Amino acid sequence: MSHDQPVFILVRPQMGENIGAAARAMLNFGLDRMRLVAPRDGWPNPRAVAMASGAAGRVLDRAGVFADVPAAIGDCDFVFATTARSRELTKPIYTPESAMDHARALIGQGARVGVLFGPERTGLENDDVSRANAIITVPVNPEFPSLNLAQAVLLTGYEWIRPQAAQPAIDPGLAGADIASRLEVEKLGDHFEQRLEAAGFFFPPAKAPNMKLNLRNMWSRMPFTRADVQTLHGMLRQITRNHRP
């Protein structure tokens, strides 16, 4: 087992398609250590391979198969159990985010970390959860707390990779577009003022300064690209041209 990432352990998974979908979710976030505990339909499973689709097949190729949970977690130093149900077991409860933070800290110290995911219909049994050090619970709608297997894997995998990706919450690049400079936006504002002034928009004169201030403030809030600015200049020129006496 690799020490640089947690191992995801699917306990008694029922459908090959869900195992394949879980493999895809794992590889989306750079995880490729999967273990299977007593898969219902045996192993290997062609439906899992079909759902894994391409590169994620390597996750299935490396997956270990175990008869029971104790065997699957035997070399782990710390184990999380994912469950949405309340149980009469006293254990620390983590969100996926805090759990993966803790997993990173443990792995940084050389520990082996495992995460248990239960079967699709029933989730983990109390006997499974009792063998874990802590519980992961997703804060979902209490009236419908059920997540399917691949969703649970996806959420946990995302929280594992998220701090490492170090992406801004909002992409200021607007998908690679060339952003307009403040000078270009300022000149666009000048152009609008000129055209609006000529059209008699700033009336009465006493209110004109505040109206212009509000317009400048509006331009500053908008994330213009250079293409946006050029388009608006062209629109103003065309409108003026078509309305000349």
Protein backbone atom coordinates (compact mmCIF):
# COMPACT_ATOMS: atom_id res chain seq x y z
CA MET A 1 0.00 0.00 0.00
CA SER A 2 1.31 3.43 -0.97
CA HIS A 3 1.98 5.78 1.93
CA ASP A 4 1.32 8.95 -0.05
CA GLN A 5 -2.47 8.59 -0.24
CA PRO A 6 -5.32 6.85 1.59
CA VAL A 7 -6.63 3.52 0.38
CA PHE A 8 -10.36 3.46 -0.43
CA ILE A 9 -12.01 0.22 0.68
CA LEU A 10 -15.36 -0.73 -0.83
CA VAL A 11 -17.10 -3.09 1.58
CA ARG A 12 -19.37 -5.71 0.00
CA PRO A 13 -20.15 -3.63 -3.12
CA GLN A 14 -23.17 -4.98 -4.96
CA MET A 15 -22.91 -3.78 -8.55
CA GLY A 16 -19.95 -3.83 -10.88
CA GLU A 17 -21.09 -0.54 -12.42
CA ASN A 18 -20.78 1.19 -9.04
CA ILE A 19 -17.28 -0.19 -8.52
CA GLY A 20 -16.28 1.14 -11.94
CA ALA A 21 -17.85 4.53 -11.20
CA ALA A 22 -15.99 4.67 -7.89
CA ALA A 23 -12.72 3.93 -9.73
CA ARG A 24 -13.39 6.82 -12.11
CA ALA A 25 -14.15 9.14 -9.19
CA MET A 26 -10.94 8.13 -7.46
CA LEU A 27 -8.73 8.71 -10.49
CA ASN A 28 -10.35 12.12 -11.05
CA PHE A 29 -8.57 13.19 -7.88
CA GLY A 30 -5.31 11.28 -8.25
CA LEU A 31 -6.26 8.29 -6.09
CA ASP A 32 -5.55 4.79 -7.35
CA ARG A 33 -5.46 2.56 -4.26
CA MET A 34 -8.70 0.56 -4.11
CA ARG A 35 -9.56 -2.52 -2.08
CA LEU A 36 -12.70 -4.63 -2.36
CA VAL A 37 -14.24 -6.64 0.46
CA ALA A 38 -16.37 -9.59 -0.70
CA PRO A 39 -17.88 -8.03 -3.85
CA ARG A 40 -21.33 -9.56 -4.31
CA ASP A 41 -20.89 -10.52 -7.98
CA GLY A 42 -17.33 -11.76 -7.66
CA TRP A 43 -14.14 -10.39 -9.13
CA PRO A 44 -13.04 -9.46 -11.75
CA ASN A 45 -16.28 -7.92 -12.99
CA PRO A 46 -16.66 -6.93 -16.67
CA ARG A 47 -19.34 -4.35 -15.83
CA ALA A 48 -16.92 -2.59 -13.52
CA VAL A 49 -14.31 -2.49 -16.27
CA ALA A 50 -16.81 -1.09 -18.77
CA MET A 51 -17.90 1.66 -16.38
CA ALA A 52 -14.31 2.55 -15.42
CA SER A 53 -13.78 3.52 -19.06
CA GLY A 54 -10.15 3.79 -20.10
CA ALA A 55 -7.51 5.11 -17.74
CA ALA A 56 -9.54 4.38 -14.61
CA GLY A 57 -9.25 0.69 -15.47
CA ARG A 58 -5.80 0.73 -13.89
CA VAL A 59 -7.43 1.40 -10.52
CA LEU A 60 -9.38 -1.84 -10.93
CA ASP A 61 -6.31 -3.71 -12.17
CA ARG A 62 -4.48 -2.85 -8.94
CA ALA A 63 -7.45 -3.42 -6.64
CA GLY A 64 -6.92 -5.96 -3.88
CA VAL A 65 -9.75 -8.33 -2.97
CA PHE A 66 -10.30 -9.37 0.64
CA ALA A 67 -12.70 -11.73 2.37
CA ASP A 68 -13.59 -9.39 5.23
CA VAL A 69 -12.97 -5.94 6.70
CA PRO A 70 -10.30 -7.01 9.25
CA ALA A 71 -8.19 -8.43 6.43
CA ALA A 72 -8.66 -5.34 4.26
CA ILE A 73 -7.56 -2.92 6.98
CA GLY A 74 -4.93 -5.14 8.54
CA ASP A 75 -1.98 -2.95 7.50
CA CYS A 76 -3.72 0.38 8.17
CA ASP A 77 -2.72 2.57 11.10
CA PHE A 78 -5.88 4.67 11.02
CA VAL A 79 -9.27 3.92 9.45
CA PHE A 80 -12.28 6.12 8.68
CA ALA A 81 -15.77 4.69 8.17
CA THR A 82 -18.18 6.65 5.98
CA THR A 83 -21.75 6.53 7.24
CA ALA A 84 -24.80 8.80 7.29
CA ARG A 85 -26.69 6.88 9.96
CA SER A 86 -26.61 7.53 13.70
CA ARG A 87 -25.12 4.60 15.58
CA GLU A 88 -24.64 3.65 19.19
CA LEU A 89 -20.88 3.79 18.79
CA THR A 90 -18.76 6.48 20.42
CA LYS A 91 -16.27 7.71 17.84
CA PRO A 92 -14.92 11.03 16.58
CA ILE A 93 -17.06 12.35 13.72
CA TYR A 94 -15.45 14.19 10.80
CA THR A 95 -16.74 15.95 7.72
CA PRO A 96 -15.04 14.81 4.50
CA GLU A 97 -12.95 18.00 4.56
CA SER A 98 -11.71 17.58 8.14
CA ALA A 99 -11.20 13.84 7.63
CA MET A 100 -8.94 14.34 4.64
CA ASP A 101 -7.06 17.10 6.48
CA HIS A 102 -6.40 14.60 9.24
CA ALA A 103 -5.49 11.91 6.72
CA ARG A 104 -2.89 14.20 5.13
CA ALA A 105 -1.37 14.90 8.53
CA LEU A 106 -1.21 11.20 9.39
CA ILE A 107 0.23 10.23 6.01
CA GLY A 108 2.79 13.00 6.38
CA GLN A 109 3.95 11.23 9.53
CA GLY A 110 4.28 7.92 7.67
CA ALA A 111 0.97 6.37 8.72
CA ARG A 112 -1.23 4.19 6.51
CA VAL A 113 -4.81 5.46 6.23
CA GLY A 114 -7.87 3.61 5.00
CA VAL A 115 -11.42 4.78 4.26
CA LEU A 116 -14.33 2.34 4.38
CA PHE A 117 -17.35 2.75 2.07
CA GLY A 118 -20.41 0.57 2.60
CA PRO A 119 -22.58 -1.40 0.19
CA GLU A 120 -25.13 0.45 -1.88
CA ARG A 121 -28.32 -0.83 -0.24
CA THR A 122 -27.50 -0.83 3.47
CA GLY A 123 -24.26 1.07 4.02
CA LEU A 124 -21.71 -0.11 6.55
CA GLU A 125 -22.88 -2.38 9.36
CA ASN A 126 -22.13 -1.65 13.01
CA ASP A 127 -19.53 -4.41 12.97
CA ASP A 128 -17.71 -2.65 10.13
CA VAL A 129 -17.87 0.76 11.80
CA SER A 130 -16.68 -0.65 15.12
CA ARG A 131 -13.33 -1.46 13.52
CA ALA A 132 -12.72 2.13 12.40
CA ASN A 133 -10.99 4.86 14.40
CA ALA A 134 -13.39 7.59 13.31
CA ILE A 135 -16.50 8.31 11.24
CA ILE A 136 -16.94 10.49 8.16
CA THR A 137 -20.42 11.97 7.79
CA VAL A 138 -21.45 14.26 4.96
CA PRO A 139 -23.68 17.19 6.04
CA VAL A 140 -26.61 16.47 3.74
CA ASN A 141 -30.37 16.97 3.84
CA PRO A 142 -31.54 15.02 6.94
CA GLU A 143 -34.73 14.08 5.10
CA PHE A 144 -32.70 12.37 2.38
CA PRO A 145 -29.22 11.55 3.70
CA SER A 146 -28.42 8.70 1.31
CA LEU A 147 -25.48 9.00 -1.09
CA ASN A 148 -24.66 6.36 -3.64
CA LEU A 149 -21.26 4.69 -3.54
CA ALA A 150 -19.61 6.71 -6.30
CA GLN A 151 -20.93 9.99 -4.85
CA ALA A 152 -19.41 9.23 -1.45
CA VAL A 153 -16.10 8.31 -3.07
CA LEU A 154 -16.20 11.46 -5.23
CA LEU A 155 -16.82 13.79 -2.27
CA THR A 156 -14.05 12.24 -0.21
CA GLY A 157 -11.62 12.21 -3.12
CA TYR A 158 -12.33 15.86 -3.88
CA GLU A 159 -11.56 16.86 -0.30
CA TRP A 160 -8.33 14.87 -0.50
CA ILE A 161 -7.03 16.73 -3.55
CA ARG A 162 -8.57 20.18 -2.98
CA PRO A 163 -5.80 21.78 -0.85
CA GLN A 164 -3.12 20.34 -3.12
CA ALA A 165 -4.73 21.80 -6.24
CA ALA A 166 -4.43 25.34 -4.83
CA GLN A 167 -6.89 26.78 -7.33
CA PRO A 168 -8.59 30.13 -6.64
CA ALA A 169 -12.26 29.94 -5.69
CA ILE A 170 -13.05 32.21 -8.65
CA ASP A 171 -10.98 32.11 -11.83
CA PRO A 172 -10.07 35.74 -12.59
CA GLY A 173 -8.97 34.70 -16.06
CA LEU A 174 -12.51 34.06 -17.29
CA ALA A 175 -11.50 30.78 -18.94
CA GLY A 176 -8.35 32.20 -20.49
CA ALA A 177 -9.86 35.39 -21.93
CA ASP A 178 -7.72 38.53 -22.22
CA ILE A 179 -8.87 40.80 -19.38
CA ALA A 180 -9.37 44.52 -20.08
CA SER A 181 -7.01 46.87 -18.25
CA ARG A 182 -8.37 49.57 -15.96
CA LEU A 183 -7.30 52.17 -18.54
CA GLU A 184 -9.33 50.43 -21.24
CA VAL A 185 -12.37 50.34 -18.95
CA GLU A 186 -11.82 54.02 -18.12
CA LYS A 187 -11.79 54.94 -21.82
CA LEU A 188 -14.97 52.93 -22.33
CA GLY A 189 -16.57 54.96 -19.53
CA ASP A 190 -15.42 58.17 -21.23
CA HIS A 191 -16.98 57.03 -24.49
CA PHE A 192 -20.30 56.25 -22.82
CA GLU A 193 -20.32 59.62 -21.05
CA GLN A 194 -19.69 61.43 -24.32
CA ARG A 195 -22.49 59.63 -26.15
CA LEU A 196 -24.92 59.94 -23.26
CA GLU A 197 -24.08 63.62 -22.86
CA ALA A 198 -24.83 64.21 -26.52
CA ALA A 199 -28.10 62.32 -26.17
CA GLY A 200 -29.22 64.49 -23.24
CA PHE A 201 -29.14 61.62 -20.75
CA PHE A 202 -27.62 63.62 -17.88
CA PHE A 203 -30.68 65.63 -16.90
CA PRO A 204 -31.30 67.67 -14.88
CA PRO A 205 -27.79 69.17 -14.82
CA ALA A 206 -27.69 69.23 -11.01
CA LYS A 207 -27.86 65.43 -10.92
CA ALA A 208 -25.29 64.86 -13.68
CA PRO A 209 -22.22 64.44 -11.40
CA ASN A 210 -23.89 61.74 -9.30
CA MET A 211 -25.24 59.97 -12.38
CA LYS A 212 -21.73 59.86 -13.88
CA LEU A 213 -20.32 58.59 -10.58
CA ASN A 214 -22.84 55.73 -10.52
CA LEU A 215 -21.93 54.80 -14.08
CA ARG A 216 -18.21 54.72 -13.27
CA ASN A 217 -18.94 52.54 -10.28
CA MET A 218 -20.97 50.18 -12.45
CA TRP A 219 -18.12 49.81 -14.98
CA SER A 220 -15.64 49.03 -12.18
CA ARG A 221 -17.78 46.13 -10.94
CA MET A 222 -17.88 44.38 -14.31
CA PRO A 223 -15.12 41.89 -15.25
CA PHE A 224 -14.69 43.11 -18.84
CA THR A 225 -12.51 41.33 -21.35
CA ARG A 226 -10.80 43.33 -24.09
CA ALA A 227 -13.24 41.80 -26.55
CA ASP A 228 -16.14 43.06 -24.43
CA VAL A 229 -14.71 46.59 -24.43
CA GLN A 230 -14.14 46.57 -28.19
CA THR A 231 -17.67 45.27 -28.79
CA LEU A 232 -19.24 48.01 -26.65
CA HIS A 233 -17.18 50.73 -28.37
CA GLY A 234 -18.37 49.39 -31.73
CA MET A 235 -22.00 49.32 -30.59
CA LEU A 236 -21.82 52.95 -29.46
CA ARG A 237 -20.24 54.06 -32.75
CA GLN A 238 -22.87 52.21 -34.78
CA ILE A 239 -25.78 53.60 -32.75
CA THR A 240 -24.42 57.14 -33.15
CA ARG A 241 -23.85 56.65 -36.88
CA ASN A 242 -27.38 55.40 -37.46
CA HIS A 243 -28.99 58.28 -35.55
CA ARG A 244 -27.20 61.21 -37.13
CA PRO A 245 -29.55 63.73 -38.67
